[in-house]
């Protein structure tokens, strides 16, 4: 399985190379959709966990059939992002996407306090290309927290040889990438604390993996987020500001930074309130751009593998029956 997966991933990237290098980057979206319609889209398959969660959490907005289409559109966008990264590795390639940055004043105000700032990055598809590039252009030096699995692959060969090719594109726009090695976050967090003490900008993705997590209300269900970034911000004195990078309907992009979250006294209740404030801000973005949000995958894994989390959802009984028959 690992060997065949490695061969498949490498062959896929090679197959995408020529098209990604020759086609203008702004035209990769229709090409990615065409490629998946030709050979990659599932037809007639039962919905998986991510599609079912999407359908239930957005049941007041989409039908089950529309949820499946949105998930397939998310897959199209994932392929497009892969092609964007490959395209940006072509020597001499330049790309100047139209990007609107809103809320930069909140980040400036946070840095004026002198204790650095934590940007809590919402997990939308285009963040790896757009977010760091936009903030770099705006003059903000960024330290990015990352994992070896970030990039093209989670397989050992891909982590060692393919993912650095992806990360090199992002590294053009950050001053430093701090990597969590062997699932031990302590050394990485020590570096982040030092950068915040130097009044730096630290970027951490808002994801579900962490030693401590919270399950705030989200849409018509719940979302799991690691509370580590909140604790880092509170104990370092750095404000924590949610941010997101999205592609608008007209093809342009928008990077949004919201005001800092209130962490109160740093207790569990204060962190829970901050996490809920974050999801309340996130909800309208996910509603507007559901096929750009990567969080459906994590929620799908949780409802499939964590009975306690699945039971916390209002739709738990129906969802369980659907998963059993999927």
Foldseek 3Di string as FASTA:
>chain_A
DLVVVVVVLVVVLVVLQVVLQPDPLLPLLVVLVVVCVVPNDDDPDADFLLLLVQCVLCVVPDHSVVSSVLQVSLVSLLVSLLSPLSNLLDPPDDDDFFEAEPDVVQLVVLLVVVQAAEEAEAAFACCLQPVLQVVLVVPAAEEEEEELQPASHPRPVCSVPPRVSSVVNSCVRHPYYQYDPPVNCVVSLVVVLVCSNRSHYYYDYFAQDDPDWDWADARQWTAIGYLVVVLSCVVSVGFYWYWYWDQDPVRGIYIYTDHGFDQDPVDPVSSNVSVNVVRVVVRVVCSVRVSGHPRSVVSSCCLVPPVVRLVRGPCSVVSVVSNVVD
